[in-house]
Amino acid sequence: MMGDHERTGSAADGRAGGPRRLVVFADPRQAAPAVLLPALVSAVDCRTDIVFAGLLLSRPPLRWLERSANHAERSLQRLLGTGRFDAAARTLAGDVLASVRQRRLPIVVVPNGDPNDESVVALVRDSFAAQIGLNLYCMRRFKPTLIECLDQCVNYHNGRLPQMRGIRASNWSIYAGESQSGFTFHRMDAQWDSGAILLEDEVPVHERDTAGDLEVRKATSAAARLPLLLDAMLRGDAGRPQMGSPSYHSAAKLNDIRRVPDPSLLTAAEWQRRIRAFARIEARLERGWVGLTGLSAAPAGSGLGFYTTDRQWLRVMSIDFRPTWMARFGGHWN
């Protein structure tokens, strides 16, 4: 654990009706927390009715691997002709935790990335004496033992609810061809993304957007709503129930659409749609399984490529080989 409890107030203050004590769960390797964490610190600094109890990280921050970890996203943006690197990678290149460290707030990396670990629950309940929690991309389901040790716990979700429950909502928005893509702050319960909604909004999806673009745009918009969210949390707003037909995007569903055993079964348009939405598609070519990050229409038989089901030849423009050293050192390519 790094830092101390300076500026966080005391546990006794919270129990005696003083400022409410906030614990934040976050993944510092994701783009959204890189935007939201500094904004949250600033929003809390402006108030006297809430103080930080601590920050719990699902993974330690990475620095030297970040450029490689975002290779597929940047490659996709170059192929789309945007002429710019991934905005999320640029955000991550800075010190995500700088504003937290400057205030000497306690920072803990949770064991095995699991916030439900008994030691974490005890830390939140006893040492931090936290009353409210905010989750920024800790990708584990919170169990009742953790949720119930807080008066309330709120999650930032990068999609509309209940239509975009599960993972990779920004990717699925692009794949669905949506003109607007949403984000939601909702109360947490023991299910995935099913709690009552406190705040929600949408951002536009531009023609050449990738998921990284959307993540940063959503997080920037969500950051501006943090003062309103804190108001809702402090007054104990129950939120409104989710309305409409739910749709859940699981890891298995993502794997199914990103792994193509026979590339000739998809149309050229579907191939380009998947590459744009998910940045990297694993396909079985003559040379075996490869991670495709760029395809281009080309004369038949030119270069490494394949025929689509509508008899167009797509030439492979870029490949992500996923070096084993990245996995060994904890790098993430997806």
C-alpha atoms as a PDB file:
ATOM      1  CA  MET A   1       0.000   0.000   0.000  1.00  0.00           C
ATOM      2  CA  MET A   2       1.272   3.472  -0.931  1.00  0.00           C
ATOM      3  CA  GLY A   3       0.472   6.823   0.623  1.00  0.00           C
ATOM      4  CA  ASP A   4      -1.272   7.667   3.868  1.00  0.00           C
ATOM      5  CA  HIS A   5      -4.617   9.011   5.032  1.00  0.00           C
ATOM      6  CA  GLU A   6      -3.851  12.708   4.849  1.00  0.00           C
ATOM      7  CA  ARG A   7      -6.848  14.752   3.615  1.00  0.00           C
ATOM      8  CA  THR A   8      -9.168  11.777   3.859  1.00  0.00           C
ATOM      9  CA  GLY A   9     -10.714  12.663   7.203  1.00  0.00           C
ATOM     10  CA  SER A  10     -11.085  10.122   9.967  1.00  0.00           C
ATOM     11  CA  ALA A  11     -13.257   7.047  10.203  1.00  0.00           C
ATOM     12  CA  ALA A  12     -14.899   8.566  13.253  1.00  0.00           C
ATOM     13  CA  ASP A  13     -15.953  11.626  11.245  1.00  0.00           C
ATOM     14  CA  GLY A  14     -17.864   9.447   8.788  1.00  0.00           C
ATOM     15  CA  ARG A  15     -19.585   7.399  11.468  1.00  0.00           C
ATOM     16  CA  ALA A  16     -20.509  10.514  13.449  1.00  0.00           C
ATOM     17  CA  GLY A  17     -22.326  12.194  10.584  1.00  0.00           C
ATOM     18  CA  GLY A  18     -19.362  14.087   9.131  1.00  0.00           C
ATOM     19  CA  PRO A  19     -18.266  13.920   5.492  1.00  0.00           C
ATOM     20  CA  ARG A  20     -19.161  10.713   3.694  1.00  0.00           C
ATOM     21  CA  ARG A  21     -16.167   8.491   2.972  1.00  0.00           C
ATOM     22  CA  LEU A  22     -15.684   7.398  -0.635  1.00  0.00           C
ATOM     23  CA  VAL A  23     -13.683   4.390  -1.797  1.00  0.00           C
ATOM     24  CA  VAL A  24     -12.891   4.125  -5.517  1.00  0.00           C
ATOM     25  CA  PHE A  25     -12.216   0.917  -7.444  1.00  0.00           C
ATOM     26  CA  ALA A  26     -10.369   1.357 -10.752  1.00  0.00           C
ATOM     27  CA  ASP A  27      -8.250  -0.239 -13.455  1.00  0.00           C
ATOM     28  CA  PRO A  28      -5.456   2.262 -14.237  1.00  0.00           C
ATOM     29  CA  ARG A  29      -4.656   0.593 -17.558  1.00  0.00           C
ATOM     30  CA  GLN A  30      -7.992   1.573 -19.094  1.00  0.00           C
ATOM     31  CA  ALA A  31      -8.704   4.848 -20.870  1.00  0.00           C
ATOM     32  CA  ALA A  32     -11.890   5.768 -18.980  1.00  0.00           C
ATOM     33  CA  PRO A  33     -10.345   5.812 -15.467  1.00  0.00           C
ATOM     34  CA  ALA A  34      -7.414   7.818 -16.857  1.00  0.00           C
ATOM     35  CA  VAL A  35      -9.944  10.540 -17.662  1.00  0.00           C
ATOM     36  CA  LEU A  36     -12.362  10.043 -14.770  1.00  0.00           C
ATOM     37  CA  LEU A  37      -9.962   9.715 -11.827  1.00  0.00           C
ATOM     38  CA  PRO A  38      -8.393  13.199 -12.063  1.00  0.00           C
ATOM     39  CA  ALA A  39     -11.844  14.714 -12.626  1.00  0.00           C
ATOM     40  CA  LEU A  40     -13.211  12.867  -9.606  1.00  0.00           C
ATOM     41  CA  VAL A  41     -10.382  14.107  -7.389  1.00  0.00           C
ATOM     42  CA  SER A  42     -11.104  17.680  -8.498  1.00  0.00           C
ATOM     43  CA  ALA A  43     -14.845  17.256  -7.913  1.00  0.00           C
ATOM     44  CA  VAL A  44     -14.309  15.900  -4.388  1.00  0.00           C
ATOM     45  CA  ASP A  45     -11.809  18.665  -3.593  1.00  0.00           C
ATOM     46  CA  CYS A  46     -14.567  21.223  -4.190  1.00  0.00           C
ATOM     47  CA  ARG A  47     -16.807  19.719  -1.493  1.00  0.00           C
ATOM     48  CA  THR A  48     -16.887  19.438   2.277  1.00  0.00           C
ATOM     49  CA  ASP A  49     -19.542  16.709   2.461  1.00  0.00           C
ATOM     50  CA  ILE A  50     -17.391  13.914   0.998  1.00  0.00           C
ATOM     51  CA  VAL A  51     -13.762  12.779   1.379  1.00  0.00           C
ATOM     52  CA  PHE A  52     -11.650  10.027  -0.142  1.00  0.00           C
ATOM     53  CA  ALA A  53     -11.148   6.929   1.961  1.00  0.00           C
ATOM     54  CA  GLY A  54      -8.862   5.193  -0.527  1.00  0.00           C
ATOM     55  CA  LEU A  55      -8.248   3.928  -4.052  1.00  0.00           C
ATOM     56  CA  LEU A  56      -8.298   0.192  -4.844  1.00  0.00           C
ATOM     57  CA  LEU A  57      -6.664  -0.888  -8.117  1.00  0.00           C
ATOM     58  CA  SER A  58      -7.561  -4.140  -9.862  1.00  0.00           C
ATOM     59  CA  ARG A  59      -4.125  -4.101 -11.562  1.00  0.00           C
ATOM     60  CA  PRO A  60      -0.933  -2.108 -11.072  1.00  0.00           C
ATOM     61  CA  PRO A  61      -0.389   0.630 -13.660  1.00  0.00           C
ATOM     62  CA  LEU A  62       1.721  -0.117 -16.721  1.00  0.00           C
ATOM     63  CA  ARG A  63       3.931   2.417 -18.459  1.00  0.00           C
ATOM     64  CA  TRP A  64       6.601   0.914 -20.666  1.00  0.00           C
ATOM     65  CA  LEU A  65       4.237  -1.633 -22.264  1.00  0.00           C
ATOM     66  CA  GLU A  66       1.437   0.793 -23.093  1.00  0.00           C
ATOM     67  CA  ARG A  67       2.583   1.590 -26.621  1.00  0.00           C
ATOM     68  CA  SER A  68       2.648  -2.099 -27.609  1.00  0.00           C
ATOM     69  CA  ALA A  69      -0.600  -2.849 -25.778  1.00  0.00           C
ATOM     70  CA  ASN A  70      -2.478  -0.384 -27.987  1.00  0.00           C
ATOM     71  CA  HIS A  71      -0.820  -1.416 -31.267  1.00  0.00           C
ATOM     72  CA  ALA A  72      -3.953  -2.841 -32.863  1.00  0.00           C
ATOM     73  CA  GLU A  73      -6.031   0.232 -32.088  1.00  0.00           C
ATOM     74  CA  ARG A  74      -3.455   2.650 -33.488  1.00  0.00           C
ATOM     75  CA  SER A  75      -2.924   0.468 -36.550  1.00  0.00           C
ATOM     76  CA  LEU A  76      -6.652   0.506 -37.218  1.00  0.00           C
ATOM     77  CA  GLN A  77      -6.821   4.292 -36.962  1.00  0.00           C
ATOM     78  CA  ARG A  78      -3.956   4.703 -39.435  1.00  0.00           C
ATOM     79  CA  LEU A  79      -5.710   2.403 -41.906  1.00  0.00           C
ATOM     80  CA  LEU A  80      -8.914   4.411 -41.534  1.00  0.00           C
ATOM     81  CA  GLY A  81      -6.962   7.483 -42.553  1.00  0.00           C
ATOM     82  CA  THR A  82      -7.528   9.520 -39.416  1.00  0.00           C
ATOM     83  CA  GLY A  83      -3.883  10.591 -39.314  1.00  0.00           C
ATOM     84  CA  ARG A  84      -3.737  10.388 -35.530  1.00  0.00           C
ATOM     85  CA  PHE A  85      -2.739   7.895 -32.883  1.00  0.00           C
ATOM     86  CA  ASP A  86      -5.202   6.390 -30.468  1.00  0.00           C
ATOM     87  CA  ALA A  87      -6.454   9.093 -28.093  1.00  0.00           C
ATOM     88  CA  ALA A  88      -6.794   6.534 -25.329  1.00  0.00           C
ATOM     89  CA  ALA A  89      -3.124   5.579 -25.630  1.00  0.00           C
ATOM     90  CA  ARG A  90      -2.101   9.215 -25.361  1.00  0.00           C
ATOM     91  CA  THR A  91      -4.172   9.574 -22.211  1.00  0.00           C
ATOM     92  CA  LEU A  92      -2.671   6.441 -20.708  1.00  0.00           C
ATOM     93  CA  ALA A  93       0.841   7.652 -21.479  1.00  0.00           C
ATOM     94  CA  GLY A  94       0.551  10.106 -18.586  1.00  0.00           C
ATOM     95  CA  ASP A  95       0.519   9.145 -14.922  1.00  0.00           C
ATOM     96  CA  VAL A  96      -3.085   8.119 -14.275  1.00  0.00           C
ATOM     97  CA  LEU A  97      -2.576   8.287 -10.535  1.00  0.00           C
ATOM     98  CA  ALA A  98      -0.736  11.618 -10.368  1.00  0.00           C
ATOM     99  CA  SER A  99      -3.634  13.592  -8.903  1.00  0.00           C
ATOM    100  CA  VAL A 100      -4.242  10.873  -6.314  1.00  0.00           C
ATOM    101  CA  ARG A 101      -0.594  10.633  -5.271  1.00  0.00           C
ATOM    102  CA  GLN A 102      -0.306  14.422  -4.981  1.00  0.00           C
ATOM    103  CA  ARG A 103      -2.937  14.300  -2.251  1.00  0.00           C
ATOM    104  CA  ARG A 104      -1.166  11.410  -0.480  1.00  0.00           C
ATOM    105  CA  LEU A 105      -4.275   9.256  -0.625  1.00  0.00           C
ATOM    106  CA  PRO A 106      -3.980   5.535   0.150  1.00  0.00           C
ATOM    107  CA  ILE A 107      -3.609   3.341  -2.932  1.00  0.00           C
ATOM    108  CA  VAL A 108      -3.905  -0.457  -2.755  1.00  0.00           C
ATOM    109  CA  VAL A 109      -3.532  -3.071  -5.501  1.00  0.00           C
ATOM    110  CA  VAL A 110      -6.047  -5.773  -4.586  1.00  0.00           C
ATOM    111  CA  PRO A 111      -4.890  -9.426  -4.422  1.00  0.00           C
ATOM    112  CA  ASN A 112      -5.306 -11.277  -7.737  1.00  0.00           C
ATOM    113  CA  GLY A 113      -7.377  -8.380  -9.071  1.00  0.00           C
ATOM    114  CA  ASP A 114     -10.325  -9.513  -6.964  1.00  0.00           C
ATOM    115  CA  PRO A 115     -12.099  -6.800  -4.943  1.00  0.00           C
ATOM    116  CA  ASN A 116     -14.131  -9.533  -3.212  1.00  0.00           C
ATOM    117  CA  ASP A 117     -11.061 -10.875  -1.421  1.00  0.00           C
ATOM    118  CA  GLU A 118     -11.698 -11.060   2.343  1.00  0.00           C
ATOM    119  CA  SER A 119      -8.764  -8.752   3.044  1.00  0.00           C
ATOM    120  CA  VAL A 120     -10.192  -6.129   0.675  1.00  0.00           C
ATOM    121  CA  VAL A 121     -13.651  -6.292   2.218  1.00  0.00           C
ATOM    122  CA  ALA A 122     -12.085  -5.887   5.681  1.00  0.00           C
ATOM    123  CA  LEU A 123     -10.008  -2.948   4.435  1.00  0.00           C
ATOM    124  CA  VAL A 124     -13.049  -1.177   2.984  1.00  0.00           C
ATOM    125  CA  ARG A 125     -15.174  -1.863   6.050  1.00  0.00           C
ATOM    126  CA  ASP A 126     -12.669  -1.383   8.887  1.00  0.00           C
ATOM    127  CA  SER A 127      -9.541   0.515   7.855  1.00  0.00           C
ATOM    128  CA  PHE A 128     -11.143   2.813   5.287  1.00  0.00           C
ATOM    129  CA  ALA A 129     -14.538   2.859   7.067  1.00  0.00           C
ATOM    130  CA  ALA A 130     -15.962   3.728   3.649  1.00  0.00           C
ATOM    131  CA  GLN A 131     -19.673   4.340   3.234  1.00  0.00           C
ATOM    132  CA  ILE A 132     -19.988   4.805  -0.516  1.00  0.00           C
ATOM    133  CA  GLY A 133     -18.113   3.210  -3.400  1.00  0.00           C
ATOM    134  CA  LEU A 134     -17.560   4.099  -7.042  1.00  0.00           C
ATOM    135  CA  ASN A 135     -16.325   1.533  -9.542  1.00  0.00           C
ATOM    136  CA  LEU A 136     -14.360   2.744 -12.569  1.00  0.00           C
ATOM    137  CA  TYR A 137     -13.637  -0.318 -14.699  1.00  0.00           C
ATOM    138  CA  CYS A 138     -12.798  -2.936 -12.093  1.00  0.00           C
ATOM    139  CA  MET A 139     -13.991  -5.833 -14.261  1.00  0.00           C
ATOM    140  CA  ARG A 140     -15.019  -8.284 -11.559  1.00  0.00           C
ATOM    141  CA  ARG A 141     -18.561  -8.844 -10.383  1.00  0.00           C
ATOM    142  CA  PHE A 142     -18.919  -7.426  -6.884  1.00  0.00           C
ATOM    143  CA  LYS A 143     -20.257 -10.022  -4.467  1.00  0.00           C
ATOM    144  CA  PRO A 144     -22.850  -9.255  -1.758  1.00  0.00           C
ATOM    145  CA  THR A 145     -20.170  -9.322   0.958  1.00  0.00           C
ATOM    146  CA  LEU A 146     -18.477  -6.330  -0.665  1.00  0.00           C
ATOM    147  CA  ILE A 147     -21.603  -4.450  -1.730  1.00  0.00           C
ATOM    148  CA  GLU A 148     -23.268  -4.844   1.656  1.00  0.00           C
ATOM    149  CA  CYS A 149     -20.323  -3.410   3.594  1.00  0.00           C
ATOM    150  CA  LEU A 150     -21.100  -0.081   1.880  1.00  0.00           C
ATOM    151  CA  ASP A 151     -24.250   2.021   2.128  1.00  0.00           C
ATOM    152  CA  GLN A 152     -24.233   2.173  -1.656  1.00  0.00           C
ATOM    153  CA  CYS A 153     -21.934   1.327  -4.548  1.00  0.00           C
ATOM    154  CA  VAL A 154     -22.151   2.863  -8.035  1.00  0.00           C
ATOM    155  CA  ASN A 155     -20.648   1.604 -11.279  1.00  0.00           C
ATOM    156  CA  TYR A 156     -19.551   3.499 -14.404  1.00  0.00           C
ATOM    157  CA  HIS A 157     -20.635   1.485 -17.447  1.00  0.00           C
ATOM    158  CA  ASN A 158     -19.596   2.465 -20.965  1.00  0.00           C
ATOM    159  CA  GLY A 159     -22.928   1.681 -22.608  1.00  0.00           C
ATOM    160  CA  ARG A 160     -26.674   2.202 -22.452  1.00  0.00           C
ATOM    161  CA  LEU A 161     -28.564  -0.046 -20.068  1.00  0.00           C
ATOM    162  CA  PRO A 162     -30.091  -2.551 -20.315  1.00  0.00           C
ATOM    163  CA  GLN A 163     -29.369  -2.736 -24.068  1.00  0.00           C
ATOM    164  CA  MET A 164     -25.577  -2.859 -23.705  1.00  0.00           C
ATOM    165  CA  ARG A 165     -24.914  -4.945 -20.618  1.00  0.00           C
ATOM    166  CA  GLY A 166     -21.624  -6.789 -20.397  1.00  0.00           C
ATOM    167  CA  ILE A 167     -18.238  -6.025 -21.926  1.00  0.00           C
ATOM    168  CA  ARG A 168     -17.000  -3.897 -24.822  1.00  0.00           C
ATOM    169  CA  ALA A 169     -20.102  -1.723 -25.181  1.00  0.00           C
ATOM    170  CA  SER A 170     -18.251   0.825 -27.319  1.00  0.00           C
ATOM    171  CA  ASN A 171     -17.093  -1.888 -29.722  1.00  0.00           C
ATOM    172  CA  TRP A 172     -20.606  -3.292 -30.005  1.00  0.00           C
ATOM    173  CA  SER A 173     -22.013   0.204 -30.625  1.00  0.00           C
ATOM    174  CA  ILE A 174     -19.701   0.625 -33.604  1.00  0.00           C
ATOM    175  CA  TYR A 175     -20.493  -2.876 -34.849  1.00  0.00           C
ATOM    176  CA  ALA A 176     -24.230  -2.126 -34.645  1.00  0.00           C
ATOM    177  CA  GLY A 177     -23.758   1.052 -36.675  1.00  0.00           C
ATOM    178  CA  GLU A 178     -25.172   3.299 -33.955  1.00  0.00           C
ATOM    179  CA  SER A 179     -25.043   7.063 -34.437  1.00  0.00           C
ATOM    180  CA  GLN A 180     -25.033   7.613 -30.648  1.00  0.00           C
ATOM    181  CA  SER A 181     -23.300   5.532 -27.993  1.00  0.00           C
ATOM    182  CA  GLY A 182     -24.187   5.810 -24.316  1.00  0.00           C
ATOM    183  CA  PHE A 183     -22.697   5.583 -20.858  1.00  0.00           C
ATOM    184  CA  THR A 184     -24.388   4.987 -17.508  1.00  0.00           C
ATOM    185  CA  PHE A 185     -23.758   5.454 -13.797  1.00  0.00           C
ATOM    186  CA  HIS A 186     -25.875   2.848 -12.020  1.00  0.00           C
ATOM    187  CA  ARG A 187     -26.324   1.345  -8.567  1.00  0.00           C
ATOM    188  CA  MET A 188     -24.542  -1.988  -8.167  1.00  0.00           C
ATOM    189  CA  ASP A 189     -26.149  -5.244  -7.158  1.00  0.00           C
ATOM    190  CA  ALA A 190     -25.018  -8.864  -7.324  1.00  0.00           C
ATOM    191  CA  GLN A 191     -25.856  -9.137 -11.057  1.00  0.00           C
ATOM    192  CA  TRP A 192     -24.049  -7.770 -14.111  1.00  0.00           C
ATOM    193  CA  ASP A 193     -25.036  -4.172 -14.966  1.00  0.00           C
ATOM    194  CA  SER A 194     -28.605  -4.565 -13.724  1.00  0.00           C
ATOM    195  CA  GLY A 195     -28.860  -1.906 -10.986  1.00  0.00           C
ATOM    196  CA  ALA A 196     -30.982   1.238 -10.990  1.00  0.00           C
ATOM    197  CA  ILE A 197     -29.740   4.138 -13.126  1.00  0.00           C
ATOM    198  CA  LEU A 198     -28.539   7.366 -11.509  1.00  0.00           C
ATOM    199  CA  LEU A 199     -27.198   9.213 -14.565  1.00  0.00           C
ATOM    200  CA  GLU A 200     -26.911   8.422 -18.254  1.00  0.00           C
ATOM    201  CA  ASP A 201     -26.028  10.222 -21.466  1.00  0.00           C
ATOM    202  CA  GLU A 202     -24.854   9.638 -25.028  1.00  0.00           C
ATOM    203  CA  VAL A 203     -22.075  10.850 -27.290  1.00  0.00           C
ATOM    204  CA  PRO A 204     -21.979  10.893 -31.103  1.00  0.00           C
ATOM    205  CA  VAL A 205     -20.281   8.137 -33.061  1.00  0.00           C
ATOM    206  CA  HIS A 206     -18.330   9.694 -35.914  1.00  0.00           C
ATOM    207  CA  GLU A 207     -17.731   8.001 -39.237  1.00  0.00           C
ATOM    208  CA  ARG A 208     -14.157   6.907 -38.564  1.00  0.00           C
ATOM    209  CA  ASP A 209     -14.360   6.436 -34.803  1.00  0.00           C
ATOM    210  CA  THR A 210     -12.746   3.440 -33.185  1.00  0.00           C
ATOM    211  CA  ALA A 211     -13.649   2.090 -29.768  1.00  0.00           C
ATOM    212  CA  GLY A 212     -10.722   4.006 -28.267  1.00  0.00           C
ATOM    213  CA  ASP A 213     -12.135   7.273 -29.580  1.00  0.00           C
ATOM    214  CA  LEU A 214     -15.526   6.492 -28.086  1.00  0.00           C
ATOM    215  CA  GLU A 215     -14.088   5.476 -24.717  1.00  0.00           C
ATOM    216  CA  VAL A 216     -12.302   8.789 -24.301  1.00  0.00           C
ATOM    217  CA  ARG A 217     -15.275  10.814 -25.580  1.00  0.00           C
ATOM    218  CA  LYS A 218     -17.654   9.039 -23.196  1.00  0.00           C
ATOM    219  CA  ALA A 219     -15.320   9.373 -20.235  1.00  0.00           C
ATOM    220  CA  THR A 220     -14.837  13.085 -20.945  1.00  0.00           C
ATOM    221  CA  SER A 221     -18.596  13.608 -21.035  1.00  0.00           C
ATOM    222  CA  ALA A 222     -19.070  11.451 -17.916  1.00  0.00           C
ATOM    223  CA  ALA A 223     -16.364  13.420 -16.083  1.00  0.00           C
ATOM    224  CA  ALA A 224     -18.404  16.603 -16.536  1.00  0.00           C
ATOM    225  CA  ARG A 225     -21.355  14.859 -14.842  1.00  0.00           C
ATOM    226  CA  LEU A 226     -19.415  13.782 -11.742  1.00  0.00           C
ATOM    227  CA  PRO A 227     -20.625  16.695  -9.542  1.00  0.00           C
ATOM    228  CA  LEU A 228     -24.228  15.674 -10.321  1.00  0.00           C
ATOM    229  CA  LEU A 229     -23.389  12.045  -9.604  1.00  0.00           C
ATOM    230  CA  LEU A 230     -21.877  12.917  -6.230  1.00  0.00           C
ATOM    231  CA  ASP A 231     -25.027  14.914  -5.398  1.00  0.00           C
ATOM    232  CA  ALA A 232     -27.173  11.883  -6.220  1.00  0.00           C
ATOM    233  CA  MET A 233     -24.999   9.522  -4.190  1.00  0.00           C
ATOM    234  CA  LEU A 234     -24.902  11.792  -1.152  1.00  0.00           C
ATOM    235  CA  ARG A 235     -28.653  12.199  -1.047  1.00  0.00           C
ATOM    236  CA  GLY A 236     -29.086   8.433  -1.365  1.00  0.00           C
ATOM    237  CA  ASP A 237     -30.864   8.592  -4.711  1.00  0.00           C
ATOM    238  CA  ALA A 238     -32.381   5.182  -5.401  1.00  0.00           C
ATOM    239  CA  GLY A 239     -32.234   5.761  -9.149  1.00  0.00           C
ATOM    240  CA  ARG A 240     -34.724   4.532 -11.717  1.00  0.00           C
ATOM    241  CA  PRO A 241     -35.186   0.927 -12.814  1.00  0.00           C
ATOM    242  CA  GLN A 242     -33.745  -0.057 -16.179  1.00  0.00           C
ATOM    243  CA  MET A 243     -36.373  -0.120 -18.915  1.00  0.00           C
ATOM    244  CA  GLY A 244     -36.504  -2.096 -22.142  1.00  0.00           C
ATOM    245  CA  SER A 245     -35.274  -5.453 -23.357  1.00  0.00           C
ATOM    246  CA  PRO A 246     -31.861  -6.382 -21.947  1.00  0.00           C
ATOM    247  CA  SER A 247     -28.995  -7.578 -24.095  1.00  0.00           C
ATOM    248  CA  TYR A 248     -25.824  -9.040 -22.599  1.00  0.00           C
ATOM    249  CA  HIS A 249     -22.466  -9.088 -24.379  1.00  0.00           C
ATOM    250  CA  SER A 250     -20.327 -11.782 -22.817  1.00  0.00           C
ATOM    251  CA  ALA A 251     -16.704 -12.760 -23.314  1.00  0.00           C
ATOM    252  CA  ALA A 252     -17.931 -15.853 -25.176  1.00  0.00           C
ATOM    253  CA  LYS A 253     -19.984 -13.703 -27.558  1.00  0.00           C
ATOM    254  CA  LEU A 254     -16.971 -11.472 -28.150  1.00  0.00           C
ATOM    255  CA  ASN A 255     -14.771 -14.489 -28.829  1.00  0.00           C
ATOM    256  CA  ASP A 256     -17.294 -15.874 -31.319  1.00  0.00           C
ATOM    257  CA  ILE A 257     -17.352 -12.721 -33.417  1.00  0.00           C
ATOM    258  CA  ARG A 258     -13.584 -12.129 -33.236  1.00  0.00           C
ATOM    259  CA  ARG A 259     -12.517 -15.649 -34.218  1.00  0.00           C
ATOM    260  CA  VAL A 260     -13.246 -16.726 -37.812  1.00  0.00           C
ATOM    261  CA  PRO A 261     -12.264 -20.297 -38.739  1.00  0.00           C
ATOM    262  CA  ASP A 262     -13.146 -19.788 -42.419  1.00  0.00           C
ATOM    263  CA  PRO A 263     -12.694 -16.211 -43.676  1.00  0.00           C
ATOM    264  CA  SER A 264     -14.448 -17.006 -46.962  1.00  0.00           C
ATOM    265  CA  LEU A 265     -17.775 -17.299 -45.128  1.00  0.00           C
ATOM    266  CA  LEU A 266     -18.013 -13.544 -44.490  1.00  0.00           C
ATOM    267  CA  THR A 267     -18.744 -10.785 -46.987  1.00  0.00           C
ATOM    268  CA  ALA A 268     -16.187  -8.052 -47.612  1.00  0.00           C
ATOM    269  CA  ALA A 269     -18.482  -5.554 -45.919  1.00  0.00           C
ATOM    270  CA  GLU A 270     -18.791  -7.764 -42.839  1.00  0.00           C
ATOM    271  CA  TRP A 271     -15.023  -8.143 -42.642  1.00  0.00           C
ATOM    272  CA  GLN A 272     -14.501  -4.394 -42.694  1.00  0.00           C
ATOM    273  CA  ARG A 273     -17.305  -3.940 -40.161  1.00  0.00           C
ATOM    274  CA  ARG A 274     -15.686  -6.352 -37.720  1.00  0.00           C
ATOM    275  CA  ILE A 275     -12.185  -4.929 -38.148  1.00  0.00           C
ATOM    276  CA  ARG A 276     -13.436  -1.416 -37.524  1.00  0.00           C
ATOM    277  CA  ALA A 277     -15.482  -2.397 -34.462  1.00  0.00           C
ATOM    278  CA  PHE A 278     -13.073  -4.800 -32.753  1.00  0.00           C
ATOM    279  CA  ALA A 279      -9.664  -3.744 -34.148  1.00  0.00           C
ATOM    280  CA  ARG A 280      -8.312  -7.308 -34.166  1.00  0.00           C
ATOM    281  CA  ILE A 281      -9.953 -10.387 -35.681  1.00  0.00           C
ATOM    282  CA  GLU A 282      -8.367 -13.827 -35.466  1.00  0.00           C
ATOM    283  CA  ALA A 283      -8.727 -15.734 -38.736  1.00  0.00           C
ATOM    284  CA  ARG A 284      -7.489 -19.081 -39.955  1.00  0.00           C
ATOM    285  CA  LEU A 285      -5.526 -18.560 -43.166  1.00  0.00           C
ATOM    286  CA  GLU A 286      -3.277 -20.963 -45.069  1.00  0.00           C
ATOM    287  CA  ARG A 287      -0.435 -20.125 -42.691  1.00  0.00           C
ATOM    288  CA  GLY A 288      -2.539 -20.837 -39.622  1.00  0.00           C
ATOM    289  CA  TRP A 289      -4.293 -18.551 -37.143  1.00  0.00           C
ATOM    290  CA  VAL A 290      -3.313 -14.881 -37.390  1.00  0.00           C
ATOM    291  CA  GLY A 291      -4.620 -11.703 -35.780  1.00  0.00           C
ATOM    292  CA  LEU A 292      -5.774  -9.393 -38.571  1.00  0.00           C
ATOM    293  CA  THR A 293      -5.782  -5.665 -37.829  1.00  0.00           C
ATOM    294  CA  GLY A 294      -6.132  -4.318 -41.373  1.00  0.00           C
ATOM    295  CA  LEU A 295      -7.649  -5.485 -44.674  1.00  0.00           C
ATOM    296  CA  SER A 296      -7.918  -3.793 -48.052  1.00  0.00           C
ATOM    297  CA  ALA A 297      -9.679  -4.593 -51.318  1.00  0.00           C
ATOM    298  CA  ALA A 298      -7.066  -5.599 -53.897  1.00  0.00           C
ATOM    299  CA  PRO A 299      -6.667  -7.380 -57.244  1.00  0.00           C
ATOM    300  CA  ALA A 300      -7.327 -11.093 -56.968  1.00  0.00           C
ATOM    301  CA  GLY A 301      -4.443 -13.076 -55.575  1.00  0.00           C
ATOM    302  CA  SER A 302      -2.240 -10.094 -54.691  1.00  0.00           C
ATOM    303  CA  GLY A 303      -0.296 -10.581 -51.497  1.00  0.00           C
ATOM    304  CA  LEU A 304      -1.453 -12.501 -48.442  1.00  0.00           C
ATOM    305  CA  GLY A 305      -5.246 -12.519 -48.430  1.00  0.00           C
ATOM    306  CA  PHE A 306      -8.419 -14.449 -49.151  1.00  0.00           C
ATOM    307  CA  TYR A 307     -11.674 -14.458 -51.111  1.00  0.00           C
ATOM    308  CA  THR A 308     -14.827 -13.411 -49.297  1.00  0.00           C
ATOM    309  CA  THR A 309     -18.178 -15.084 -49.781  1.00  0.00           C
ATOM    310  CA  ASP A 310     -19.124 -12.365 -52.291  1.00  0.00           C
ATOM    311  CA  ARG A 311     -15.959 -13.157 -54.270  1.00  0.00           C
ATOM    312  CA  GLN A 312     -13.899 -10.126 -53.377  1.00  0.00           C
ATOM    313  CA  TRP A 313     -10.187 -10.481 -52.650  1.00  0.00           C
ATOM    314  CA  LEU A 314      -9.111  -8.868 -49.379  1.00  0.00           C
ATOM    315  CA  ARG A 315      -5.396  -8.349 -48.916  1.00  0.00           C
ATOM    316  CA  VAL A 316      -3.988  -8.445 -45.400  1.00  0.00           C
ATOM    317  CA  MET A 317      -2.533  -5.005 -44.598  1.00  0.00           C
ATOM    318  CA  SER A 318      -1.382  -5.596 -41.019  1.00  0.00           C
ATOM    319  CA  ILE A 319      -1.108  -8.470 -38.579  1.00  0.00           C
ATOM    320  CA  ASP A 320      -0.867  -8.529 -34.787  1.00  0.00           C
ATOM    321  CA  PHE A 321       1.346 -11.462 -33.797  1.00  0.00           C
ATOM    322  CA  ARG A 322       0.720 -11.099 -30.031  1.00  0.00           C
ATOM    323  CA  PRO A 323       4.292 -11.833 -28.909  1.00  0.00           C
ATOM    324  CA  THR A 324       4.527 -14.222 -25.985  1.00  0.00           C
ATOM    325  CA  TRP A 325       6.714 -11.770 -24.039  1.00  0.00           C
ATOM    326  CA  MET A 326       3.724  -9.425 -23.783  1.00  0.00           C
ATOM    327  CA  ALA A 327       1.644 -12.094 -22.072  1.00  0.00           C
ATOM    328  CA  ARG A 328       4.525 -13.012 -19.795  1.00  0.00           C
ATOM    329  CA  PHE A 329       4.845  -9.437 -18.527  1.00  0.00           C
ATOM    330  CA  GLY A 330       1.114  -8.823 -18.208  1.00  0.00           C
ATOM    331  CA  GLY A 331       0.531  -6.934 -21.441  1.00  0.00           C
ATOM    332  CA  HIS A 332      -2.991  -6.871 -22.869  1.00  0.00           C
ATOM    333  CA  TRP A 333      -3.827  -6.723 -26.548  1.00  0.00           C
ATOM    334  CA  ASN A 334      -7.616  -7.019 -26.580  1.00  0.00           C
END
